[in-house]
Full PDB file with SEQRES, HELIX, SHEET, SSBOND, CRYST1, ORIGX, SCALE, CONECT and MASTER records, all heavy atoms in Angstrom:
SEQRES   1 A   39  VAL HIS LEU PRO TRP CYS LEU LYS LYS CYS PRO TYR CYS          
SEQRES   2 A   39  ASP PHE ASN SER HIS GLU GLN ALA ALA GLY GLY VAL PRO          
SEQRES   3 A   39  GLU GLN ARG TYR VAL ASP ALA VAL ILE ALA ASP LEU GLU          
HELIX    1 AA1 GLU A   27  LEU A   38  1                                  12    
SHEET    1 AA1 2 TRP A   5  CYS A   6  0                                        
SHEET    2 AA1 2 HIS A  18  GLU A  19  1                                        
CRYST1    1.000    1.000    1.000  90.00  90.00  90.00 P 1           1          
ORIGX1      1.000000  0.000000  0.000000        0.00000                         
ORIGX2      0.000000  1.000000  0.000000        0.00000                         
ORIGX3      0.000000  0.000000  1.000000        0.00000                         
SCALE1      1.000000  0.000000  0.000000        0.00000                         
SCALE2      0.000000  1.000000  0.000000        0.00000                         
SCALE3      0.000000  0.000000  1.000000        0.00000                         
ATOM      1  N   VAL A   1     -19.340  66.194  14.318  1.00  0.00           N  
ATOM      2  CA  VAL A   1     -18.211  66.292  15.257  1.00  0.00           C  
ATOM      3  C   VAL A   1     -18.579  67.294  16.341  1.00  0.00           C  
ATOM      4  O   VAL A   1     -18.886  68.450  16.039  1.00  0.00           O  
ATOM      5  CB  VAL A   1     -16.923  66.763  14.537  1.00  0.00           C  
ATOM      6  CG1 VAL A   1     -15.742  66.717  15.518  1.00  0.00           C  
ATOM      7  CG2 VAL A   1     -16.633  65.912  13.303  1.00  0.00           C  
ATOM      8  N   HIS A   2     -18.568  66.841  17.598  1.00  0.00           N  
ATOM      9  CA  HIS A   2     -18.973  67.724  18.705  1.00  0.00           C  
ATOM     10  C   HIS A   2     -17.746  68.269  19.434  1.00  0.00           C  
ATOM     11  O   HIS A   2     -16.907  67.510  19.919  1.00  0.00           O  
ATOM     12  CB  HIS A   2     -19.855  66.963  19.698  1.00  0.00           C  
ATOM     13  CG  HIS A   2     -20.543  67.874  20.673  1.00  0.00           C  
ATOM     14  ND1 HIS A   2     -21.593  68.693  20.314  1.00  0.00           N  
ATOM     15  CD2 HIS A   2     -20.325  68.118  21.998  1.00  0.00           C  
ATOM     16  CE1 HIS A   2     -21.989  69.395  21.366  1.00  0.00           C  
ATOM     17  NE2 HIS A   2     -21.232  69.066  22.397  1.00  0.00           N  
ATOM     18  N   LEU A   3     -17.640  69.608  19.478  1.00  0.00           N  
ATOM     19  CA  LEU A   3     -16.599  70.298  20.247  1.00  0.00           C  
ATOM     20  C   LEU A   3     -17.298  70.991  21.413  1.00  0.00           C  
ATOM     21  O   LEU A   3     -18.006  71.981  21.208  1.00  0.00           O  
ATOM     22  CB  LEU A   3     -15.860  71.313  19.353  1.00  0.00           C  
ATOM     23  CG  LEU A   3     -15.292  70.767  18.032  1.00  0.00           C  
ATOM     24  CD1 LEU A   3     -14.469  71.839  17.313  1.00  0.00           C  
ATOM     25  CD2 LEU A   3     -14.440  69.520  18.239  1.00  0.00           C  
ATOM     26  N   PRO A   4     -17.171  70.477  22.635  1.00  0.00           N  
ATOM     27  CA  PRO A   4     -18.132  70.797  23.704  1.00  0.00           C  
ATOM     28  C   PRO A   4     -17.920  72.070  24.507  1.00  0.00           C  
ATOM     29  O   PRO A   4     -18.733  72.376  25.374  1.00  0.00           O  
ATOM     30  CB  PRO A   4     -18.000  69.577  24.628  1.00  0.00           C  
ATOM     31  CG  PRO A   4     -16.567  69.160  24.478  1.00  0.00           C  
ATOM     32  CD  PRO A   4     -16.198  69.459  23.051  1.00  0.00           C  
ATOM     33  N   TRP A   5     -16.823  72.821  24.255  1.00  0.00           N  
ATOM     34  CA  TRP A   5     -16.561  73.965  25.137  1.00  0.00           C  
ATOM     35  C   TRP A   5     -17.141  75.272  24.605  1.00  0.00           C  
ATOM     36  O   TRP A   5     -17.298  75.456  23.396  1.00  0.00           O  
ATOM     37  CB  TRP A   5     -15.062  74.133  25.336  1.00  0.00           C  
ATOM     38  CG  TRP A   5     -14.483  73.057  26.197  1.00  0.00           C  
ATOM     39  CD1 TRP A   5     -14.532  72.977  27.562  1.00  0.00           C  
ATOM     40  CD2 TRP A   5     -13.789  71.892  25.753  1.00  0.00           C  
ATOM     41  NE1 TRP A   5     -13.906  71.829  27.992  1.00  0.00           N  
ATOM     42  CE2 TRP A   5     -13.446  71.145  26.897  1.00  0.00           C  
ATOM     43  CE3 TRP A   5     -13.426  71.405  24.494  1.00  0.00           C  
ATOM     44  CZ2 TRP A   5     -12.742  69.940  26.833  1.00  0.00           C  
ATOM     45  CZ3 TRP A   5     -12.730  70.198  24.421  1.00  0.00           C  
ATOM     46  CH2 TRP A   5     -12.403  69.481  25.577  1.00  0.00           C  
ATOM     47  N   CYS A   6     -17.456  76.179  25.531  1.00  0.00           N  
ATOM     48  CA  CYS A   6     -17.910  77.520  25.167  1.00  0.00           C  
ATOM     49  C   CYS A   6     -17.331  78.503  26.195  1.00  0.00           C  
ATOM     50  O   CYS A   6     -16.814  78.088  27.234  1.00  0.00           O  
ATOM     51  CB  CYS A   6     -19.434  77.607  25.135  1.00  0.00           C  
ATOM     52  SG  CYS A   6     -20.242  76.976  26.600  1.00  0.00           S  
ATOM     53  N   LEU A   7     -17.429  79.795  25.876  1.00  0.00           N  
ATOM     54  CA  LEU A   7     -16.922  80.810  26.816  1.00  0.00           C  
ATOM     55  C   LEU A   7     -17.766  80.851  28.076  1.00  0.00           C  
ATOM     56  O   LEU A   7     -17.259  80.977  29.192  1.00  0.00           O  
ATOM     57  CB  LEU A   7     -16.943  82.194  26.149  1.00  0.00           C  
ATOM     58  CG  LEU A   7     -15.845  82.490  25.131  1.00  0.00           C  
ATOM     59  CD1 LEU A   7     -16.100  83.840  24.480  1.00  0.00           C  
ATOM     60  CD2 LEU A   7     -14.468  82.474  25.797  1.00  0.00           C  
ATOM     61  N   LYS A   8     -19.086  80.723  27.899  1.00  0.00           N  
ATOM     62  CA  LYS A   8     -20.019  80.863  29.025  1.00  0.00           C  
ATOM     63  C   LYS A   8     -21.287  80.089  28.686  1.00  0.00           C  
ATOM     64  O   LYS A   8     -21.785  80.157  27.565  1.00  0.00           O  
ATOM     65  CB  LYS A   8     -20.335  82.348  29.212  1.00  0.00           C  
ATOM     66  CG  LYS A   8     -21.336  82.661  30.300  1.00  0.00           C  
ATOM     67  CD  LYS A   8     -21.394  84.182  30.523  1.00  0.00           C  
ATOM     68  CE  LYS A   8     -22.583  84.584  31.369  1.00  0.00           C  
ATOM     69  NZ  LYS A   8     -23.673  85.154  30.611  1.00  0.00           N  
ATOM     70  N   LYS A   9     -21.803  79.338  29.641  1.00  0.00           N  
ATOM     71  CA  LYS A   9     -23.023  78.549  29.415  1.00  0.00           C  
ATOM     72  C   LYS A   9     -24.224  79.493  29.411  1.00  0.00           C  
ATOM     73  O   LYS A   9     -24.445  80.246  30.369  1.00  0.00           O  
ATOM     74  CB  LYS A   9     -23.164  77.515  30.529  1.00  0.00           C  
ATOM     75  CG  LYS A   9     -24.354  76.591  30.383  1.00  0.00           C  
ATOM     76  CD  LYS A   9     -24.067  75.428  29.461  1.00  0.00           C  
ATOM     77  CE  LYS A   9     -25.200  74.404  29.509  1.00  0.00           C  
ATOM     78  NZ  LYS A   9     -25.009  73.323  28.539  1.00  0.00           N  
ATOM     79  N   CYS A  10     -25.004  79.469  28.326  1.00  0.00           N  
ATOM     80  CA  CYS A  10     -26.194  80.330  28.250  1.00  0.00           C  
ATOM     81  C   CYS A  10     -27.318  79.759  29.119  1.00  0.00           C  
ATOM     82  O   CYS A  10     -27.460  78.537  29.235  1.00  0.00           O  
ATOM     83  CB  CYS A  10     -26.662  80.451  26.802  1.00  0.00           C  
ATOM     84  SG  CYS A  10     -25.471  81.291  25.739  1.00  0.00           S  
ATOM     85  N   PRO A  11     -28.138  80.614  29.714  1.00  0.00           N  
ATOM     86  CA  PRO A  11     -29.152  80.138  30.671  1.00  0.00           C  
ATOM     87  C   PRO A  11     -30.258  79.268  30.053  1.00  0.00           C  
ATOM     88  O   PRO A  11     -30.964  78.575  30.765  1.00  0.00           O  
ATOM     89  CB  PRO A  11     -29.732  81.439  31.247  1.00  0.00           C  
ATOM     90  CG  PRO A  11     -29.385  82.511  30.264  1.00  0.00           C  
ATOM     91  CD  PRO A  11     -28.108  82.084  29.628  1.00  0.00           C  
ATOM     92  N   TYR A  12     -30.414  79.324  28.705  1.00  0.00           N  
ATOM     93  CA  TYR A  12     -31.459  78.532  28.043  1.00  0.00           C  
ATOM     94  C   TYR A  12     -30.914  77.236  27.445  1.00  0.00           C  
ATOM     95  O   TYR A  12     -31.659  76.415  26.937  1.00  0.00           O  
ATOM     96  CB  TYR A  12     -32.114  79.352  26.916  1.00  0.00           C  
ATOM     97  CG  TYR A  12     -31.123  79.838  25.873  1.00  0.00           C  
ATOM     98  CD1 TYR A  12     -30.749  79.028  24.823  1.00  0.00           C  
ATOM     99  CD2 TYR A  12     -30.551  81.107  25.969  1.00  0.00           C  
ATOM    100  CE1 TYR A  12     -29.813  79.463  23.893  1.00  0.00           C  
ATOM    101  CE2 TYR A  12     -29.624  81.549  25.046  1.00  0.00           C  
ATOM    102  CZ  TYR A  12     -29.263  80.726  24.007  1.00  0.00           C  
ATOM    103  OH  TYR A  12     -28.333  81.146  23.089  1.00  0.00           O  
ATOM    104  N   CYS A  13     -29.581  77.032  27.496  1.00  0.00           N  
ATOM    105  CA  CYS A  13     -28.929  75.971  26.713  1.00  0.00           C  
ATOM    106  C   CYS A  13     -28.977  74.629  27.439  1.00  0.00           C  
ATOM    107  O   CYS A  13     -28.549  74.507  28.585  1.00  0.00           O  
ATOM    108  CB  CYS A  13     -27.474  76.351  26.440  1.00  0.00           C  
ATOM    109  SG  CYS A  13     -26.582  75.082  25.545  1.00  0.00           S  
ATOM    110  N   ASP A  14     -29.490  73.597  26.720  1.00  0.00           N  
ATOM    111  CA  ASP A  14     -29.486  72.249  27.292  1.00  0.00           C  
ATOM    112  C   ASP A  14     -28.590  71.313  26.471  1.00  0.00           C  
ATOM    113  O   ASP A  14     -28.673  70.101  26.597  1.00  0.00           O  
ATOM    114  CB  ASP A  14     -30.910  71.690  27.396  1.00  0.00           C  
ATOM    115  CG  ASP A  14     -31.524  71.394  26.039  1.00  0.00           C  
ATOM    116  OD1 ASP A  14     -31.094  71.993  25.030  1.00  0.00           O  
ATOM    117  OD2 ASP A  14     -32.442  70.550  25.981  1.00  0.00           O  
ATOM    118  N   PHE A  15     -27.726  71.896  25.615  1.00  0.00           N  
ATOM    119  CA  PHE A  15     -26.789  71.083  24.848  1.00  0.00           C  
ATOM    120  C   PHE A  15     -25.656  70.609  25.758  1.00  0.00           C  
ATOM    121  O   PHE A  15     -25.459  71.134  26.855  1.00  0.00           O  
ATOM    122  CB  PHE A  15     -26.183  71.883  23.688  1.00  0.00           C  
ATOM    123  CG  PHE A  15     -27.178  72.254  22.618  1.00  0.00           C  
ATOM    124  CD1 PHE A  15     -26.986  73.393  21.849  1.00  0.00           C  
ATOM    125  CD2 PHE A  15     -28.293  71.480  22.376  1.00  0.00           C  
ATOM    126  CE1 PHE A  15     -27.887  73.753  20.858  1.00  0.00           C  
ATOM    127  CE2 PHE A  15     -29.208  71.824  21.397  1.00  0.00           C  
ATOM    128  CZ  PHE A  15     -29.005  72.967  20.637  1.00  0.00           C  
ATOM    129  N   ASN A  16     -24.899  69.628  25.292  1.00  0.00           N  
ATOM    130  CA  ASN A  16     -23.741  69.157  26.041  1.00  0.00           C  
ATOM    131  C   ASN A  16     -22.593  70.137  25.826  1.00  0.00           C  
ATOM    132  O   ASN A  16     -21.696  69.916  25.022  1.00  0.00           O  
ATOM    133  CB  ASN A  16     -23.345  67.750  25.584  1.00  0.00           C  
ATOM    134  CG  ASN A  16     -22.210  67.193  26.422  1.00  0.00           C  
ATOM    135  OD1 ASN A  16     -22.100  67.498  27.615  1.00  0.00           O  
ATOM    136  ND2 ASN A  16     -21.337  66.404  25.817  1.00  0.00           N  
ATOM    137  N   SER A  17     -22.656  71.266  26.547  1.00  0.00           N  
ATOM    138  CA  SER A  17     -21.628  72.295  26.420  1.00  0.00           C  
ATOM    139  C   SER A  17     -21.098  72.641  27.805  1.00  0.00           C  
ATOM    140  O   SER A  17     -21.826  72.580  28.803  1.00  0.00           O  
ATOM    141  CB  SER A  17     -22.184  73.545  25.723  1.00  0.00           C  
ATOM    142  OG  SER A  17     -23.260  74.076  26.455  1.00  0.00           O  
ATOM    143  N   HIS A  18     -19.811  72.998  27.850  1.00  0.00           N  
ATOM    144  CA  HIS A  18     -19.117  73.203  29.125  1.00  0.00           C  
ATOM    145  C   HIS A  18     -18.274  74.464  29.038  1.00  0.00           C  
ATOM    146  O   HIS A  18     -17.560  74.669  28.050  1.00  0.00           O  
ATOM    147  CB  HIS A  18     -18.206  72.003  29.420  1.00  0.00           C  
ATOM    148  CG  HIS A  18     -18.948  70.689  29.425  1.00  0.00           C  
ATOM    149  ND1 HIS A  18     -19.369  70.069  30.572  1.00  0.00           N  
ATOM    150  CD2 HIS A  18     -19.373  69.908  28.400  1.00  0.00           C  
ATOM    151  CE1 HIS A  18     -20.005  68.942  30.254  1.00  0.00           C  
ATOM    152  NE2 HIS A  18     -20.019  68.833  28.940  1.00  0.00           N  
ATOM    153  N   GLU A  19     -18.345  75.300  30.082  1.00  0.00           N  
ATOM    154  CA  GLU A  19     -17.520  76.510  30.100  1.00  0.00           C  
ATOM    155  C   GLU A  19     -16.048  76.115  30.164  1.00  0.00           C  
ATOM    156  O   GLU A  19     -15.679  75.229  30.930  1.00  0.00           O  
ATOM    157  CB  GLU A  19     -17.884  77.391  31.300  1.00  0.00           C  
ATOM    158  CG  GLU A  19     -19.232  78.050  31.141  1.00  0.00           C  
ATOM    159  CD  GLU A  19     -19.546  79.071  32.236  1.00  0.00           C  
ATOM    160  OE1 GLU A  19     -18.593  79.508  32.914  1.00  0.00           O  
ATOM    161  OE2 GLU A  19     -20.722  79.426  32.397  1.00  0.00           O  
ATOM    162  N   GLN A  20     -15.233  76.771  29.332  1.00  0.00           N  
ATOM    163  CA  GLN A  20     -13.810  76.437  29.325  1.00  0.00           C  
ATOM    164  C   GLN A  20     -13.168  76.822  30.649  1.00  0.00           C  
ATOM    165  O   GLN A  20     -13.523  77.832  31.258  1.00  0.00           O  
ATOM    166  CB  GLN A  20     -13.104  77.108  28.155  1.00  0.00           C  
ATOM    167  CG  GLN A  20     -13.036  78.633  28.236  1.00  0.00           C  
ATOM    168  CD  GLN A  20     -12.180  79.229  27.133  1.00  0.00           C  
ATOM    169  OE1 GLN A  20     -12.164  78.733  26.026  1.00  0.00           O  
ATOM    170  NE2 GLN A  20     -11.468  80.290  27.441  1.00  0.00           N  
ATOM    171  N   ALA A  21     -12.225  76.011  31.083  1.00  0.00           N  
ATOM    172  CA  ALA A  21     -11.512  76.288  32.337  1.00  0.00           C  
ATOM    173  C   ALA A  21     -10.516  77.425  32.118  1.00  0.00           C  
ATOM    174  O   ALA A  21     -10.241  77.814  30.983  1.00  0.00           O  
ATOM    175  CB  ALA A  21     -10.795  75.026  32.799  1.00  0.00           C  
ATOM    176  N   ALA A  22      -9.974  77.924  33.229  1.00  0.00           N  
ATOM    177  CA  ALA A  22      -9.035  79.052  33.160  1.00  0.00           C  
ATOM    178  C   ALA A  22      -7.835  78.730  32.270  1.00  0.00           C  
ATOM    179  O   ALA A  22      -7.280  79.594  31.608  1.00  0.00           O  
ATOM    180  CB  ALA A  22      -8.577  79.422  34.561  1.00  0.00           C  
ATOM    181  N   GLY A  23      -7.449  77.455  32.240  1.00  0.00           N  
ATOM    182  CA  GLY A  23      -6.289  77.060  31.444  1.00  0.00           C  
ATOM    183  C   GLY A  23      -6.575  76.925  29.963  1.00  0.00           C  
ATOM    184  O   GLY A  23      -5.680  76.593  29.185  1.00  0.00           O  
ATOM    185  N   GLY A  24      -7.830  77.158  29.576  1.00  0.00           N  
ATOM    186  CA  GLY A  24      -8.191  77.047  28.160  1.00  0.00           C  
ATOM    187  C   GLY A  24      -8.646  75.641  27.778  1.00  0.00           C  
ATOM    188  O   GLY A  24      -8.858  74.787  28.638  1.00  0.00           O  
ATOM    189  N   VAL A  25      -8.768  75.407  26.498  1.00  0.00           N  
ATOM    190  CA  VAL A  25      -9.311  74.152  25.969  1.00  0.00           C  
ATOM    191  C   VAL A  25      -8.158  73.231  25.549  1.00  0.00           C  
ATOM    192  O   VAL A  25      -7.234  73.685  24.860  1.00  0.00           O  
ATOM    193  CB  VAL A  25     -10.217  74.444  24.748  1.00  0.00           C  
ATOM    194  CG1 VAL A  25     -10.652  73.168  24.070  1.00  0.00           C  
ATOM    195  CG2 VAL A  25     -11.436  75.263  25.184  1.00  0.00           C  
ATOM    196  N   PRO A  26      -8.194  71.944  25.945  1.00  0.00           N  
ATOM    197  CA  PRO A  26      -7.136  71.005  25.534  1.00  0.00           C  
ATOM    198  C   PRO A  26      -7.340  70.566  24.078  1.00  0.00           C  
ATOM    199  O   PRO A  26      -7.695  69.420  23.791  1.00  0.00           O  
ATOM    200  CB  PRO A  26      -7.310  69.837  26.509  1.00  0.00           C  
ATOM    201  CG  PRO A  26      -8.761  69.853  26.858  1.00  0.00           C  
ATOM    202  CD  PRO A  26      -9.197  71.297  26.808  1.00  0.00           C  
ATOM    203  N   GLU A  27      -7.110  71.496  23.145  1.00  0.00           N  
ATOM    204  CA  GLU A  27      -7.474  71.280  21.743  1.00  0.00           C  
ATOM    205  C   GLU A  27      -6.834  70.032  21.134  1.00  0.00           C  
ATOM    206  O   GLU A  27      -7.512  69.218  20.511  1.00  0.00           O  
ATOM    207  CB  GLU A  27      -7.101  72.511  20.897  1.00  0.00           C  
ATOM    208  CG  GLU A  27      -7.912  73.743  21.231  1.00  0.00           C  
ATOM    209  CD  GLU A  27      -7.625  74.900  20.264  1.00  0.00           C  
ATOM    210  OE1 GLU A  27      -7.019  74.669  19.195  1.00  0.00           O  
ATOM    211  OE2 GLU A  27      -8.037  76.037  20.575  1.00  0.00           O  
ATOM    212  N   GLN A  28      -5.506  69.887  21.309  1.00  0.00           N  
ATOM    213  CA  GLN A  28      -4.815  68.792  20.614  1.00  0.00           C  
ATOM    214  C   GLN A  28      -5.207  67.427  21.174  1.00  0.00           C  
ATOM    215  O   GLN A  28      -5.429  66.476  20.432  1.00  0.00           O  
ATOM    216  CB  GLN A  28      -3.295  68.998  20.673  1.00  0.00           C  
ATOM    217  CG  GLN A  28      -2.831  70.287  20.008  1.00  0.00           C  
ATOM    218  CD  GLN A  28      -3.383  70.481  18.593  1.00  0.00           C  
ATOM    219  OE1 GLN A  28      -3.481  69.541  17.808  1.00  0.00           O  
ATOM    220  NE2 GLN A  28      -3.771  71.713  18.270  1.00  0.00           N  
ATOM    221  N   ARG A  29      -5.308  67.338  22.490  1.00  0.00           N  
ATOM    222  CA  ARG A  29      -5.705  66.051  23.092  1.00  0.00           C  
ATOM    223  C   ARG A  29      -7.128  65.692  22.681  1.00  0.00           C  
ATOM    224  O   ARG A  29      -7.438  64.532  22.431  1.00  0.00           O  
ATOM    225  CB  ARG A  29      -5.586  66.111  24.619  1.00  0.00           C  
ATOM    226  CG  ARG A  29      -5.856  64.742  25.262  1.00  0.00           C  
ATOM    227  CD  ARG A  29      -5.395  64.697  26.718  1.00  0.00           C  
ATOM    228  NE  ARG A  29      -5.354  63.326  27.197  1.00  0.00           N  
ATOM    229  CZ  ARG A  29      -6.344  62.727  27.884  1.00  0.00           C  
ATOM    230  NH1 ARG A  29      -7.440  63.401  28.174  1.00  0.00           N  
ATOM    231  NH2 ARG A  29      -6.228  61.476  28.277  1.00  0.00           N  
ATOM    232  N   TYR A  30      -7.979  66.719  22.617  1.00  0.00           N  
ATOM    233  CA  TYR A  30      -9.369  66.447  22.241  1.00  0.00           C  
ATOM    234  C   TYR A  30      -9.443  65.954  20.793  1.00  0.00           C  
ATOM    235  O   TYR A  30     -10.168  64.999  20.493  1.00  0.00           O  
ATOM    236  CB  TYR A  30     -10.237  67.691  22.448  1.00  0.00           C  
ATOM    237  CG  TYR A  30     -11.719  67.372  22.272  1.00  0.00           C  
ATOM    238  CD1 TYR A  30     -12.428  66.722  23.279  1.00  0.00           C  
ATOM    239  CD2 TYR A  30     -12.393  67.676  21.093  1.00  0.00           C  
ATOM    240  CE1 TYR A  30     -13.770  66.403  23.129  1.00  0.00           C  
ATOM    241  CE2 TYR A  30     -13.723  67.355  20.931  1.00  0.00           C  
ATOM    242  CZ  TYR A  30     -14.416  66.717  21.943  1.00  0.00           C  
ATOM    243  OH  TYR A  30     -15.738  66.383  21.776  1.00  0.00           O  
ATOM    244  N   VAL A  31      -8.712  66.591  19.890  1.00  0.00           N  
ATOM    245  CA  VAL A  31      -8.716  66.135  18.492  1.00  0.00           C  
ATOM    246  C   VAL A  31      -8.121  64.727  18.390  1.00  0.00           C  
ATOM    247  O   VAL A  31      -8.631  63.883  17.636  1.00  0.00           O  
ATOM    248  CB  VAL A  31      -7.983  67.135  17.567  1.00  0.00           C  
ATOM    249  CG1 VAL A  31      -7.833  66.568  16.156  1.00  0.00           C  
ATOM    250  CG2 VAL A  31      -8.759  68.453  17.513  1.00  0.00           C  
ATOM    251  N   ASP A  32      -7.082  64.440  19.180  1.00  0.00           N  
ATOM    252  CA  ASP A  32      -6.542  63.068  19.222  1.00  0.00           C  
ATOM    253  C   ASP A  32      -7.657  62.079  19.584  1.00  0.00           C  
ATOM    254  O   ASP A  32      -7.775  61.008  18.975  1.00  0.00           O  
ATOM    255  CB  ASP A  32      -5.430  62.954  20.281  1.00  0.00           C  
ATOM    256  CG  ASP A  32      -4.137  63.666  19.881  1.00  0.00           C  
ATOM    257  OD1 ASP A  32      -3.972  63.985  18.685  1.00  0.00           O  
ATOM    258  OD2 ASP A  32      -3.297  63.908  20.781  1.00  0.00           O  
ATOM    259  N   ALA A  33      -8.455  62.443  20.584  1.00  0.00           N  
ATOM    260  CA  ALA A  33      -9.542  61.563  21.047  1.00  0.00           C  
ATOM    261  C   ALA A  33     -10.613  61.401  19.972  1.00  0.00           C  
ATOM    262  O   ALA A  33     -11.104  60.288  19.736  1.00  0.00           O  
ATOM    263  CB  ALA A  33     -10.153  62.128  22.334  1.00  0.00           C  
ATOM    264  N   VAL A  34     -10.985  62.496  19.328  1.00  0.00           N  
ATOM    265  CA  VAL A  34     -12.012  62.447  18.280  1.00  0.00           C  
ATOM    266  C   VAL A  34     -11.570  61.540  17.125  1.00  0.00           C  
ATOM    267  O   VAL A  34     -12.359  60.745  16.598  1.00  0.00           O  
ATOM    268  CB  VAL A  34     -12.328  63.880  17.773  1.00  0.00           C  
ATOM    269  CG1 VAL A  34     -13.059  63.854  16.446  1.00  0.00           C  
ATOM    270  CG2 VAL A  34     -13.161  64.623  18.816  1.00  0.00           C  
ATOM    271  N   ILE A  35     -10.297  61.641  16.741  1.00  0.00           N  
ATOM    272  CA  ILE A  35      -9.801  60.818  15.635  1.00  0.00           C  
ATOM    273  C   ILE A  35      -9.703  59.351  16.058  1.00  0.00           C  
ATOM    274  O   ILE A  35     -10.010  58.445  15.273  1.00  0.00           O  
ATOM    275  CB  ILE A  35      -8.453  61.366  15.107  1.00  0.00           C  
ATOM    276  CG1 ILE A  35      -8.665  62.785  14.545  1.00  0.00           C  
ATOM    277  CG2 ILE A  35      -7.865  60.455  14.040  1.00  0.00           C  
ATOM    278  CD1 ILE A  35      -9.741  62.913  13.462  1.00  0.00           C  
ATOM    279  N   ALA A  36      -9.331  59.101  17.314  1.00  0.00           N  
ATOM    280  CA  ALA A  36      -9.334  57.718  17.825  1.00  0.00           C  
ATOM    281  C   ALA A  36     -10.753  57.154  17.812  1.00  0.00           C  
ATOM    282  O   ALA A  36     -10.981  55.982  17.450  1.00  0.00           O  
ATOM    283  CB  ALA A  36      -8.755  57.683  19.238  1.00  0.00           C  
ATOM    284  N   ASP A  37     -11.712  57.992  18.187  1.00  0.00           N  
ATOM    285  CA  ASP A  37     -13.137  57.632  18.156  1.00  0.00           C  
ATOM    286  C   ASP A  37     -13.550  57.263  16.727  1.00  0.00           C  
ATOM    287  O   ASP A  37     -14.191  56.233  16.477  1.00  0.00           O  
ATOM    288  CB  ASP A  37     -13.938  58.830  18.680  1.00  0.00           C  
ATOM    289  CG  ASP A  37     -15.417  58.563  18.863  1.00  0.00           C  
ATOM    290  OD1 ASP A  37     -15.889  57.456  18.579  1.00  0.00           O  
ATOM    291  OD2 ASP A  37     -16.120  59.521  19.293  1.00  0.00           O  
ATOM    292  N   LEU A  38     -13.159  58.109  15.783  1.00  0.00           N  
ATOM    293  CA  LEU A  38     -13.486  57.856  14.372  1.00  0.00           C  
ATOM    294  C   LEU A  38     -12.878  56.536  13.896  1.00  0.00           C  
ATOM    295  O   LEU A  38     -13.548  55.725  13.239  1.00  0.00           O  
ATOM    296  CB  LEU A  38     -12.974  59.012  13.509  1.00  0.00           C  
ATOM    297  CG  LEU A  38     -13.100  58.844  11.993  1.00  0.00           C  
ATOM    298  CD1 LEU A  38     -14.555  58.651  11.577  1.00  0.00           C  
ATOM    299  CD2 LEU A  38     -12.510  60.040  11.260  1.00  0.00           C  
ATOM    300  N   GLU A  39     -11.620  56.308  14.236  1.00  0.00           N  
ATOM    301  CA  GLU A  39     -10.958  55.077  13.785  1.00  0.00           C  
ATOM    302  C   GLU A  39     -11.647  53.832  14.337  1.00  0.00           C  
ATOM    303  O   GLU A  39     -11.803  52.826  13.632  1.00  0.00           O  
ATOM    304  CB  GLU A  39      -9.478  55.096  14.183  1.00  0.00           C  
ATOM    305  CG  GLU A  39      -8.680  56.081  13.333  1.00  0.00           C  
ATOM    306  CD  GLU A  39      -7.190  56.018  13.577  1.00  0.00           C  
ATOM    307  OE1 GLU A  39      -6.771  55.542  14.661  1.00  0.00           O  
ATOM    308  OE2 GLU A  39      -6.439  56.460  12.687  1.00  0.00           O  
TER     309      GLU A  39                                                      
MASTER        0    0    0    1    2    0    0    6  308    1    0    3          
END                                                                             
């Protein structure tokens, strides 16, 4: 299960990771999407 957000992108990192926006992480919508993906 991939949760793609981080506080800050590290300069060596080539993973699919994204700095969280000022409004924070859309946790519930993302979990909804992950479970829909699983189904």
